[in-house]
Amino acid sequence: MNVVQVPLTVILLSTDSYELSASNKNRKINNLGLDIISAFKKPVVWAPIFALILSLFGITLSPIWQKNFSVLGGATGGMALFSIGIILYVKKPKLNLAVWMNTLSRTVFVPLVIFLVMMFFKVDRSVINMTTMTMGITVAAISTIFANQYKVAEQEMASTLFLSNIISIFSMGLIIVFLKI
């Protein structure tokens, strides 16, 4: 998610809508390139990619740096929840068809499809259990933060986050019972 989905989301949110007519084709493509370069200047885009590269080459950090990043990583979840609390206070959740479809697809349909595909390919049961549980986790706070930052579907993402937390109480419980975890 952090290496592919988050950078791609930032790049797409950074771009304007591009109409490639003959008269403004070069100008729009040039702007798109600048938007992509601008997106890669943001730590949320380059840091996970850089970390993956370091990991692939087997480069490890000194224990002092590991401790610093562990402290930052530990605080990140709490800060995200705090931010979401503020966003949900400002953007009161409104449940509409789009919010219900987004929430149900993320908390029910995606785990179900992943489970069925993995069963079809006869994947090891422990991997199926872990993957299905992971896919059933509530919508990530980062989507709501991005929506708020880029002023795109703010109300829908805040509402989806709220509803997915409520639905995941039941869907995660059902996954646990069904998979006998």
N, C-alpha and C. Protein backbone atom coordinates (compact mmCIF):
# COMPACT_ATOMS: atom_id res chain seq x y z
N MET A 1 0.83 -1.19 0.00
CA MET A 1 0.00 0.00 0.00
C MET A 1 0.87 1.25 0.00
N ASN A 2 1.87 1.29 0.87
CA ASN A 2 2.69 2.48 0.99
C ASN A 2 3.63 2.69 -0.19
N VAL A 3 4.00 1.60 -0.87
CA VAL A 3 4.95 1.72 -1.97
C VAL A 3 4.23 2.00 -3.29
N VAL A 4 3.04 1.48 -3.48
CA VAL A 4 2.34 1.63 -4.75
C VAL A 4 1.11 2.53 -4.62
N GLN A 5 0.21 2.16 -3.73
CA GLN A 5 -1.08 2.84 -3.67
C GLN A 5 -0.98 4.29 -3.21
N VAL A 6 -0.24 4.56 -2.15
CA VAL A 6 -0.14 5.94 -1.65
C VAL A 6 0.55 6.85 -2.66
N PRO A 7 1.73 6.47 -3.22
CA PRO A 7 2.33 7.36 -4.23
C PRO A 7 1.43 7.58 -5.45
N LEU A 8 0.79 6.53 -5.93
CA LEU A 8 -0.10 6.68 -7.08
C LEU A 8 -1.27 7.61 -6.75
N THR A 9 -1.81 7.48 -5.55
CA THR A 9 -2.90 8.35 -5.13
C THR A 9 -2.46 9.80 -5.08
N VAL A 10 -1.30 10.06 -4.51
CA VAL A 10 -0.80 11.44 -4.43
C VAL A 10 -0.57 12.01 -5.83
N ILE A 11 -0.01 11.21 -6.72
CA ILE A 11 0.22 11.67 -8.09
C ILE A 11 -1.11 12.00 -8.77
N LEU A 12 -2.08 11.11 -8.63
CA LEU A 12 -3.38 11.36 -9.27
C LEU A 12 -4.10 12.55 -8.66
N LEU A 13 -4.00 12.71 -7.34
CA LEU A 13 -4.65 13.85 -6.69
C LEU A 13 -3.94 15.16 -7.02
N SER A 14 -2.66 15.09 -7.35
CA SER A 14 -1.89 16.29 -7.65
C SER A 14 -2.16 16.82 -9.05
N THR A 15 -2.70 15.98 -9.90
CA THR A 15 -2.91 16.41 -11.28
C THR A 15 -4.27 17.06 -11.44
N ASP A 16 -4.33 18.00 -12.35
CA ASP A 16 -5.61 18.58 -12.74
C ASP A 16 -6.23 17.66 -13.77
N SER A 17 -7.47 17.93 -14.14
CA SER A 17 -8.04 17.14 -15.23
C SER A 17 -7.39 17.60 -16.52
N TYR A 18 -6.98 16.63 -17.31
CA TYR A 18 -6.24 16.94 -18.52
C TYR A 18 -7.08 16.63 -19.75
N GLU A 19 -7.37 17.68 -20.51
CA GLU A 19 -8.02 17.50 -21.80
C GLU A 19 -6.94 17.68 -22.86
N LEU A 20 -6.69 16.63 -23.59
CA LEU A 20 -5.58 16.67 -24.55
C LEU A 20 -6.08 17.05 -25.95
N SER A 21 -6.49 18.28 -26.12
CA SER A 21 -6.85 18.74 -27.45
C SER A 21 -5.57 19.08 -28.21
N ALA A 22 -5.70 19.24 -29.50
CA ALA A 22 -4.52 19.49 -30.33
C ALA A 22 -3.81 20.78 -29.93
N SER A 23 -4.56 21.81 -29.54
CA SER A 23 -3.94 23.12 -29.26
C SER A 23 -3.20 23.16 -27.93
N ASN A 24 -3.66 22.42 -26.92
CA ASN A 24 -3.00 22.52 -25.62
C ASN A 24 -2.36 21.21 -25.17
N LYS A 25 -2.13 20.31 -26.12
CA LYS A 25 -1.59 19.00 -25.78
C LYS A 25 -0.22 19.09 -25.10
N ASN A 26 0.71 19.86 -25.68
CA ASN A 26 2.05 19.96 -25.11
C ASN A 26 2.03 20.62 -23.74
N ARG A 27 1.21 21.66 -23.58
CA ARG A 27 1.14 22.37 -22.30
C ARG A 27 0.60 21.44 -21.20
N LYS A 28 -0.43 20.67 -21.51
CA LYS A 28 -1.03 19.78 -20.52
C LYS A 28 -0.10 18.63 -20.16
N ILE A 29 0.58 18.04 -21.11
CA ILE A 29 1.52 16.96 -20.84
C ILE A 29 2.67 17.49 -19.99
N ASN A 30 3.13 18.71 -20.30
CA ASN A 30 4.18 19.33 -19.52
C ASN A 30 3.72 19.53 -18.07
N ASN A 31 2.48 20.00 -17.87
CA ASN A 31 1.94 20.17 -16.52
C ASN A 31 1.84 18.83 -15.80
N LEU A 32 1.45 17.79 -16.50
CA LEU A 32 1.35 16.47 -15.90
C LEU A 32 2.72 16.01 -15.41
N GLY A 33 3.73 16.22 -16.22
CA GLY A 33 5.09 15.86 -15.81
C GLY A 33 5.53 16.64 -14.58
N LEU A 34 5.21 17.93 -14.54
CA LEU A 34 5.55 18.74 -13.38
C LEU A 34 4.79 18.28 -12.14
N ASP A 35 3.53 17.88 -12.33
CA ASP A 35 2.74 17.38 -11.20
C ASP A 35 3.33 16.08 -10.65
N ILE A 36 3.80 15.22 -11.52
CA ILE A 36 4.42 13.96 -11.07
C ILE A 36 5.71 14.25 -10.32
N ILE A 37 6.52 15.15 -10.86
CA ILE A 37 7.77 15.52 -10.19
C ILE A 37 7.46 16.14 -8.83
N SER A 38 6.44 16.99 -8.78
CA SER A 38 6.04 17.63 -7.52
C SER A 38 5.58 16.59 -6.50
N ALA A 39 4.85 15.59 -6.96
CA ALA A 39 4.37 14.54 -6.05
C ALA A 39 5.54 13.76 -5.46
N PHE A 40 6.56 13.51 -6.25
CA PHE A 40 7.72 12.75 -5.77
C PHE A 40 8.60 13.55 -4.80
N LYS A 41 8.34 14.83 -4.65
CA LYS A 41 9.06 15.63 -3.66
C LYS A 41 8.47 15.46 -2.27
N LYS A 42 7.29 14.86 -2.18
CA LYS A 42 6.63 14.69 -0.88
C LYS A 42 7.14 13.41 -0.21
N PRO A 43 7.49 13.50 1.07
CA PRO A 43 8.00 12.33 1.78
C PRO A 43 7.05 11.13 1.78
N VAL A 44 5.76 11.39 1.77
CA VAL A 44 4.81 10.28 1.77
C VAL A 44 4.92 9.45 0.49
N VAL A 45 5.49 10.02 -0.55
CA VAL A 45 5.70 9.31 -1.81
C VAL A 45 7.08 8.66 -1.85
N TRP A 46 8.13 9.44 -1.62
CA TRP A 46 9.48 8.90 -1.82
C TRP A 46 9.98 8.06 -0.64
N ALA A 47 9.53 8.32 0.57
CA ALA A 47 10.07 7.59 1.72
C ALA A 47 9.79 6.09 1.67
N PRO A 48 8.56 5.65 1.38
CA PRO A 48 8.34 4.20 1.30
C PRO A 48 9.12 3.54 0.17
N ILE A 49 9.25 4.23 -0.95
CA ILE A 49 10.00 3.68 -2.08
C ILE A 49 11.48 3.57 -1.70
N PHE A 50 12.01 4.59 -1.07
CA PHE A 50 13.39 4.59 -0.61
C PHE A 50 13.62 3.46 0.41
N ALA A 51 12.67 3.30 1.34
CA ALA A 51 12.78 2.23 2.34
C ALA A 51 12.77 0.86 1.69
N LEU A 52 11.94 0.68 0.67
CA LEU A 52 11.90 -0.60 -0.04
C LEU A 52 13.24 -0.88 -0.72
N ILE A 53 13.80 0.13 -1.34
CA ILE A 53 15.10 -0.03 -2.02
C ILE A 53 16.17 -0.41 -1.01
N LEU A 54 16.21 0.28 0.13
CA LEU A 54 17.18 -0.05 1.17
C LEU A 54 16.99 -1.49 1.64
N SER A 55 15.75 -1.87 1.83
CA SER A 55 15.45 -3.23 2.29
C SER A 55 15.87 -4.28 1.27
N LEU A 56 15.60 -4.01 0.00
CA LEU A 56 15.97 -4.96 -1.05
C LEU A 56 17.48 -5.17 -1.15
N PHE A 57 18.24 -4.12 -0.85
CA PHE A 57 19.70 -4.22 -0.87
C PHE A 57 20.28 -4.68 0.47
N GLY A 58 19.40 -4.99 1.42
CA GLY A 58 19.85 -5.50 2.72
C GLY A 58 20.51 -4.46 3.60
N ILE A 59 20.26 -3.21 3.33
CA ILE A 59 20.86 -2.14 4.13
C ILE A 59 20.01 -1.93 5.38
N THR A 60 20.65 -1.97 6.53
CA THR A 60 19.93 -1.75 7.78
C THR A 60 20.43 -0.48 8.44
N LEU A 61 19.59 0.07 9.29
CA LEU A 61 19.94 1.28 10.00
C LEU A 61 20.63 0.93 11.32
N SER A 62 21.38 1.87 11.83
CA SER A 62 22.01 1.65 13.14
C SER A 62 20.90 1.60 14.19
N PRO A 63 21.17 0.96 15.33
CA PRO A 63 20.15 0.84 16.38
C PRO A 63 19.59 2.19 16.85
N ILE A 64 20.41 3.22 16.83
CA ILE A 64 19.92 4.54 17.25
C ILE A 64 18.85 5.04 16.28
N TRP A 65 19.12 4.92 14.98
CA TRP A 65 18.14 5.36 13.99
C TRP A 65 16.91 4.47 14.02
N GLN A 66 17.09 3.17 14.23
CA GLN A 66 15.94 2.27 14.32
C GLN A 66 15.03 2.68 15.46
N LYS A 67 15.61 3.05 16.60
CA LYS A 67 14.81 3.48 17.74
C LYS A 67 14.04 4.76 17.42
N ASN A 68 14.70 5.71 16.75
CA ASN A 68 14.03 6.96 16.38
C ASN A 68 12.83 6.69 15.48
N PHE A 69 13.02 5.84 14.47
CA PHE A 69 11.93 5.56 13.55
C PHE A 69 10.84 4.73 14.22
N SER A 70 11.20 3.89 15.17
CA SER A 70 10.19 3.13 15.91
C SER A 70 9.31 4.06 16.73
N VAL A 71 9.91 5.06 17.35
CA VAL A 71 9.14 6.04 18.12
C VAL A 71 8.20 6.81 17.18
N LEU A 72 8.72 7.26 16.04
CA LEU A 72 7.88 7.97 15.06
C LEU A 72 6.75 7.08 14.55
N GLY A 73 7.10 5.83 14.23
CA GLY A 73 6.08 4.90 13.75
C GLY A 73 5.01 4.62 14.78
N GLY A 74 5.41 4.55 16.04
CA GLY A 74 4.44 4.31 17.11
C GLY A 74 3.49 5.48 17.29
N ALA A 75 3.97 6.69 17.05
CA ALA A 75 3.13 7.87 17.22
C ALA A 75 2.23 8.11 16.02
N THR A 76 2.58 7.55 14.88
CA THR A 76 1.84 7.81 13.64
C THR A 76 0.38 7.39 13.74
N GLY A 77 0.13 6.20 14.25
CA GLY A 77 -1.24 5.71 14.36
C GLY A 77 -2.10 6.59 15.25
N GLY A 78 -1.55 7.01 16.37
CA GLY A 78 -2.28 7.88 17.29
C GLY A 78 -2.58 9.23 16.66
N MET A 79 -1.60 9.77 15.96
CA MET A 79 -1.81 11.06 15.28
C MET A 79 -2.86 10.94 14.17
N ALA A 80 -2.84 9.82 13.47
CA ALA A 80 -3.85 9.61 12.42
C ALA A 80 -5.24 9.55 13.03
N LEU A 81 -5.37 8.82 14.14
CA LEU A 81 -6.68 8.74 14.80
C LEU A 81 -7.13 10.10 15.32
N PHE A 82 -6.19 10.86 15.88
CA PHE A 82 -6.51 12.20 16.36
C PHE A 82 -6.99 13.08 15.20
N SER A 83 -6.26 13.02 14.08
CA SER A 83 -6.64 13.81 12.90
C SER A 83 -8.01 13.41 12.40
N ILE A 84 -8.27 12.11 12.36
CA ILE A 84 -9.57 11.64 11.89
C ILE A 84 -10.68 12.08 12.82
N GLY A 85 -10.40 12.08 14.12
CA GLY A 85 -11.40 12.57 15.08
C GLY A 85 -11.78 14.01 14.78
N ILE A 86 -10.79 14.83 14.50
CA ILE A 86 -11.05 16.23 14.16
C ILE A 86 -11.83 16.32 12.86
N ILE A 87 -11.42 15.55 11.86
CA ILE A 87 -12.11 15.58 10.56
C ILE A 87 -13.56 15.13 10.72
N LEU A 88 -13.80 14.06 11.48
CA LEU A 88 -15.16 13.58 11.68
C LEU A 88 -16.01 14.57 12.47
N TYR A 89 -15.38 15.34 13.34
CA TYR A 89 -16.11 16.37 14.07
C TYR A 89 -16.55 17.48 13.12
N VAL A 90 -15.66 17.86 12.22
CA VAL A 90 -15.96 18.94 11.27
C VAL A 90 -16.87 18.44 10.16
N LYS A 91 -16.58 17.28 9.61
CA LYS A 91 -17.36 16.70 8.50
C LYS A 91 -18.26 15.62 9.07
N LYS A 92 -19.40 15.99 9.51
CA LYS A 92 -20.33 15.03 10.10
C LYS A 92 -20.64 13.93 9.08
N PRO A 93 -20.56 12.67 9.51
CA PRO A 93 -20.83 11.56 8.57
C PRO A 93 -22.25 11.62 8.02
N LYS A 94 -22.34 11.43 6.71
CA LYS A 94 -23.63 11.34 6.02
C LYS A 94 -23.60 10.07 5.20
N LEU A 95 -24.54 9.19 5.47
CA LEU A 95 -24.55 7.88 4.83
C LEU A 95 -25.43 7.93 3.58
N ASN A 96 -24.79 7.73 2.43
CA ASN A 96 -25.52 7.65 1.16
C ASN A 96 -25.11 6.38 0.45
N LEU A 97 -25.63 6.15 -0.73
CA LEU A 97 -25.35 4.92 -1.46
C LEU A 97 -23.85 4.75 -1.75
N ALA A 98 -23.19 5.83 -2.14
CA ALA A 98 -21.75 5.75 -2.44
C ALA A 98 -20.95 5.34 -1.20
N VAL A 99 -21.29 5.89 -0.06
CA VAL A 99 -20.59 5.57 1.18
C VAL A 99 -20.84 4.11 1.56
N TRP A 100 -22.09 3.66 1.45
CA TRP A 100 -22.41 2.26 1.76
C TRP A 100 -21.69 1.31 0.81
N MET A 101 -21.68 1.61 -0.49
CA MET A 101 -21.00 0.74 -1.45
C MET A 101 -19.50 0.71 -1.21
N ASN A 102 -18.91 1.86 -0.95
CA ASN A 102 -17.48 1.94 -0.68
C ASN A 102 -17.13 1.13 0.57
N THR A 103 -17.92 1.30 1.61
CA THR A 103 -17.66 0.60 2.88
C THR A 103 -17.86 -0.90 2.74
N LEU A 104 -18.97 -1.31 2.16
CA LEU A 104 -19.24 -2.74 2.03
C LEU A 104 -18.23 -3.43 1.10
N SER A 105 -17.82 -2.72 0.06
CA SER A 105 -16.82 -3.34 -0.83
C SER A 105 -15.51 -3.54 -0.10
N ARG A 106 -15.13 -2.60 0.75
CA ARG A 106 -13.85 -2.68 1.46
C ARG A 106 -13.89 -3.66 2.63
N THR A 107 -14.98 -3.72 3.35
CA THR A 107 -15.01 -4.54 4.57
C THR A 107 -15.63 -5.92 4.37
N VAL A 108 -16.39 -6.11 3.29
CA VAL A 108 -17.07 -7.40 3.09
C VAL A 108 -16.65 -8.06 1.77
N PHE A 109 -16.82 -7.35 0.66
CA PHE A 109 -16.60 -7.96 -0.65
C PHE A 109 -15.14 -8.27 -0.93
N VAL A 110 -14.24 -7.35 -0.64
CA VAL A 110 -12.81 -7.58 -0.90
C VAL A 110 -12.29 -8.78 -0.10
N PRO A 111 -12.55 -8.85 1.22
CA PRO A 111 -12.08 -10.05 1.95
C PRO A 111 -12.69 -11.34 1.42
N LEU A 112 -13.97 -11.30 1.03
CA LEU A 112 -14.63 -12.48 0.50
C LEU A 112 -14.00 -12.93 -0.82
N VAL A 113 -13.76 -12.00 -1.72
CA VAL A 113 -13.16 -12.33 -3.01
C VAL A 113 -11.74 -12.86 -2.81
N ILE A 114 -10.97 -12.20 -1.95
CA ILE A 114 -9.60 -12.66 -1.67
C ILE A 114 -9.63 -14.07 -1.11
N PHE A 115 -10.53 -14.33 -0.18
CA PHE A 115 -10.67 -15.66 0.41
C PHE A 115 -10.98 -16.71 -0.66
N LEU A 116 -11.96 -16.42 -1.52
CA LEU A 116 -12.37 -17.38 -2.55
C LEU A 116 -11.25 -17.63 -3.57
N VAL A 117 -10.56 -16.59 -3.97
CA VAL A 117 -9.46 -16.74 -4.93
C VAL A 117 -8.34 -17.59 -4.32
N MET A 118 -8.02 -17.31 -3.07
CA MET A 118 -6.94 -18.06 -2.42
C MET A 118 -7.34 -19.52 -2.19
N MET A 119 -8.61 -19.76 -1.89
CA MET A 119 -9.08 -21.14 -1.74
C MET A 119 -9.01 -21.86 -3.08
N PHE A 120 -9.40 -21.17 -4.16
CA PHE A 120 -9.36 -21.76 -5.49
C PHE A 120 -7.94 -22.19 -5.85
N PHE A 121 -6.95 -21.36 -5.50
CA PHE A 121 -5.56 -21.68 -5.82
C PHE A 121 -4.88 -22.52 -4.74
N LYS A 122 -5.67 -22.97 -3.77
CA LYS A 122 -5.18 -23.88 -2.72
C LYS A 122 -3.94 -23.32 -1.98
N VAL A 123 -4.06 -22.06 -1.57
CA VAL A 123 -3.01 -21.41 -0.79
C VAL A 123 -3.04 -21.98 0.63
N ASP A 124 -1.90 -21.99 1.29
CA ASP A 124 -1.81 -22.48 2.66
C ASP A 124 -2.84 -21.77 3.55
N ARG A 125 -3.48 -22.54 4.41
CA ARG A 125 -4.59 -22.03 5.23
C ARG A 125 -4.16 -20.87 6.13
N SER A 126 -2.97 -20.93 6.69
CA SER A 126 -2.52 -19.83 7.57
C SER A 126 -2.37 -18.53 6.78
N VAL A 127 -1.91 -18.63 5.53
CA VAL A 127 -1.79 -17.44 4.68
C VAL A 127 -3.18 -16.91 4.32
N ILE A 128 -4.11 -17.81 4.04
CA ILE A 128 -5.49 -17.40 3.75
C ILE A 128 -6.06 -16.64 4.94
N ASN A 129 -5.88 -17.20 6.14
CA ASN A 129 -6.42 -16.56 7.34
C ASN A 129 -5.84 -15.16 7.54
N MET A 130 -4.52 -15.04 7.46
CA MET A 130 -3.87 -13.75 7.68
C MET A 130 -4.28 -12.73 6.62
N THR A 131 -4.33 -13.17 5.37
CA THR A 131 -4.65 -12.26 4.28
C THR A 131 -6.11 -11.82 4.35
N THR A 132 -7.00 -12.74 4.64
CA THR A 132 -8.42 -12.38 4.75
C THR A 132 -8.64 -11.40 5.90
N MET A 133 -8.00 -11.65 7.02
CA MET A 133 -8.10 -10.71 8.16
C MET A 133 -7.55 -9.33 7.77
N THR A 134 -6.42 -9.33 7.10
CA THR A 134 -5.82 -8.06 6.70
C THR A 134 -6.72 -7.30 5.74
N MET A 135 -7.31 -8.00 4.80
CA MET A 135 -8.20 -7.34 3.83
C MET A 135 -9.49 -6.85 4.47
N GLY A 136 -9.84 -7.40 5.62
CA GLY A 136 -11.07 -6.99 6.31
C GLY A 136 -10.89 -5.81 7.24
N ILE A 137 -9.65 -5.36 7.40
CA ILE A 137 -9.39 -4.23 8.30
C ILE A 137 -10.08 -2.98 7.76
N THR A 138 -10.50 -2.15 8.66
CA THR A 138 -11.24 -0.94 8.30
C THR A 138 -10.46 -0.05 7.32
N VAL A 139 -11.16 0.85 6.67
CA VAL A 139 -10.55 1.77 5.71
C VAL A 139 -9.45 2.56 6.39
N ALA A 140 -8.33 2.75 5.71
CA ALA A 140 -7.19 3.46 6.28
C ALA A 140 -7.48 4.95 6.46
N ALA A 141 -6.92 5.51 7.50
CA ALA A 141 -7.11 6.93 7.79
C ALA A 141 -6.48 7.80 6.72
N ILE A 142 -5.46 7.30 6.03
CA ILE A 142 -4.75 8.10 5.03
C ILE A 142 -5.68 8.55 3.91
N SER A 143 -6.67 7.73 3.56
CA SER A 143 -7.59 8.12 2.49
C SER A 143 -8.40 9.35 2.89
N THR A 144 -8.81 9.41 4.13
CA THR A 144 -9.57 10.57 4.61
C THR A 144 -8.67 11.79 4.71
N ILE A 145 -7.45 11.59 5.13
CA ILE A 145 -6.50 12.70 5.23
C ILE A 145 -6.21 13.26 3.84
N PHE A 146 -6.00 12.38 2.85
CA PHE A 146 -5.78 12.84 1.47
C PHE A 146 -7.01 13.58 0.94
N ALA A 147 -8.19 13.03 1.18
CA ALA A 147 -9.41 13.68 0.70
C ALA A 147 -9.51 15.09 1.27
N ASN A 148 -9.20 15.23 2.54
CA ASN A 148 -9.26 16.54 3.18
C ASN A 148 -8.18 17.47 2.65
N GLN A 149 -6.97 16.95 2.47
CA GLN A 149 -5.86 17.77 2.01
C GLN A 149 -6.08 18.27 0.59
N TYR A 150 -6.60 17.41 -0.29
CA TYR A 150 -6.77 17.77 -1.69
C TYR A 150 -8.18 18.25 -2.02
N LYS A 151 -9.04 18.33 -1.00
CA LYS A 151 -10.42 18.83 -1.18
C LYS A 151 -11.19 18.03 -2.23
N VAL A 152 -11.09 16.69 -2.11
CA VAL A 152 -11.78 15.79 -3.03
C VAL A 152 -12.57 14.78 -2.21
N ALA A 153 -13.88 14.74 -2.39
CA ALA A 153 -14.75 13.75 -1.73
C ALA A 153 -14.51 13.69 -0.22
N GLU A 154 -14.35 14.85 0.40
CA GLU A 154 -14.07 14.90 1.84
C GLU A 154 -15.18 14.27 2.66
N GLN A 155 -16.41 14.67 2.38
CA GLN A 155 -17.55 14.15 3.13
C GLN A 155 -17.69 12.65 2.96
N GLU A 156 -17.54 12.16 1.73
CA GLU A 156 -17.70 10.73 1.46
C GLU A 156 -16.62 9.91 2.15
N MET A 157 -15.37 10.37 2.11
CA MET A 157 -14.29 9.60 2.74
C MET A 157 -14.41 9.62 4.26
N ALA A 158 -14.78 10.76 4.84
CA ALA A 158 -14.99 10.81 6.29
C ALA A 158 -16.13 9.88 6.68
N SER A 159 -17.19 9.88 5.90
CA SER A 159 -18.34 9.01 6.18
C SER A 159 -17.97 7.55 5.99
N THR A 160 -17.18 7.25 4.96
CA THR A 160 -16.73 5.87 4.73
C THR A 160 -15.85 5.39 5.87
N LEU A 161 -14.96 6.24 6.33
CA LEU A 161 -14.11 5.88 7.47
C LEU A 161 -14.97 5.57 8.70
N PHE A 162 -15.92 6.44 8.98
CA PHE A 162 -16.80 6.25 10.13
C PHE A 162 -17.58 4.94 10.00
N LEU A 163 -18.25 4.75 8.87
CA LEU A 163 -19.08 3.56 8.69
C LEU A 163 -18.25 2.28 8.64
N SER A 164 -17.06 2.34 8.04
CA SER A 164 -16.24 1.13 7.96
C SER A 164 -15.76 0.70 9.34
N ASN A 165 -15.54 1.65 10.23
CA ASN A 165 -15.18 1.28 11.61
C ASN A 165 -16.33 0.57 12.31
N ILE A 166 -17.54 1.02 12.07
CA ILE A 166 -18.71 0.38 12.67
C ILE A 166 -18.92 -1.01 12.06
N ILE A 167 -18.92 -1.08 10.73
CA ILE A 167 -19.16 -2.35 10.03
C ILE A 167 -18.06 -3.36 10.33
N SER A 168 -16.82 -2.89 10.46
CA SER A 168 -15.71 -3.83 10.66
C SER A 168 -15.79 -4.54 12.02
N ILE A 169 -16.47 -3.95 12.97
CA ILE A 169 -16.67 -4.65 14.24
C ILE A 169 -17.37 -5.98 13.98
N PHE A 170 -18.37 -5.94 13.12
CA PHE A 170 -19.13 -7.15 12.81
C PHE A 170 -18.44 -8.01 11.76
N SER A 171 -17.90 -7.36 10.70
CA SER A 171 -17.28 -8.15 9.63
C SER A 171 -16.02 -8.85 10.12
N MET A 172 -15.21 -8.18 10.93
CA MET A 172 -14.01 -8.82 11.47
C MET A 172 -14.40 -9.95 12.42
N GLY A 173 -15.44 -9.74 13.20
CA GLY A 173 -15.93 -10.80 14.08
C GLY A 173 -16.38 -12.01 13.29
N LEU A 174 -17.10 -11.77 12.19
CA LEU A 174 -17.54 -12.88 11.34
C LEU A 174 -16.36 -13.60 10.69
N ILE A 175 -15.37 -12.85 10.26
CA ILE A 175 -14.18 -13.47 9.66
C ILE A 175 -13.50 -14.35 10.69
N ILE A 176 -13.35 -13.86 11.91
CA ILE A 176 -12.71 -14.64 12.98
C ILE A 176 -13.48 -15.91 13.26
N VAL A 177 -14.80 -15.81 13.36
CA VAL A 177 -15.62 -16.99 13.63
C VAL A 177 -15.59 -17.95 12.46
N PHE A 178 -15.77 -17.42 11.24
CA PHE A 178 -15.80 -18.26 10.04
C PHE A 178 -14.49 -19.00 9.81
N LEU A 179 -13.36 -18.29 9.99
CA LEU A 179 -12.06 -18.90 9.76
C LEU A 179 -11.53 -19.66 10.98
N LYS A 180 -12.26 -19.57 12.08
CA LYS A 180 -11.87 -20.23 13.33
C LYS A 180 -10.47 -19.81 13.78
N ILE A 181 -10.25 -18.50 13.77
CA ILE A 181 -8.95 -17.97 14.15
C ILE A 181 -8.92 -17.78 15.67
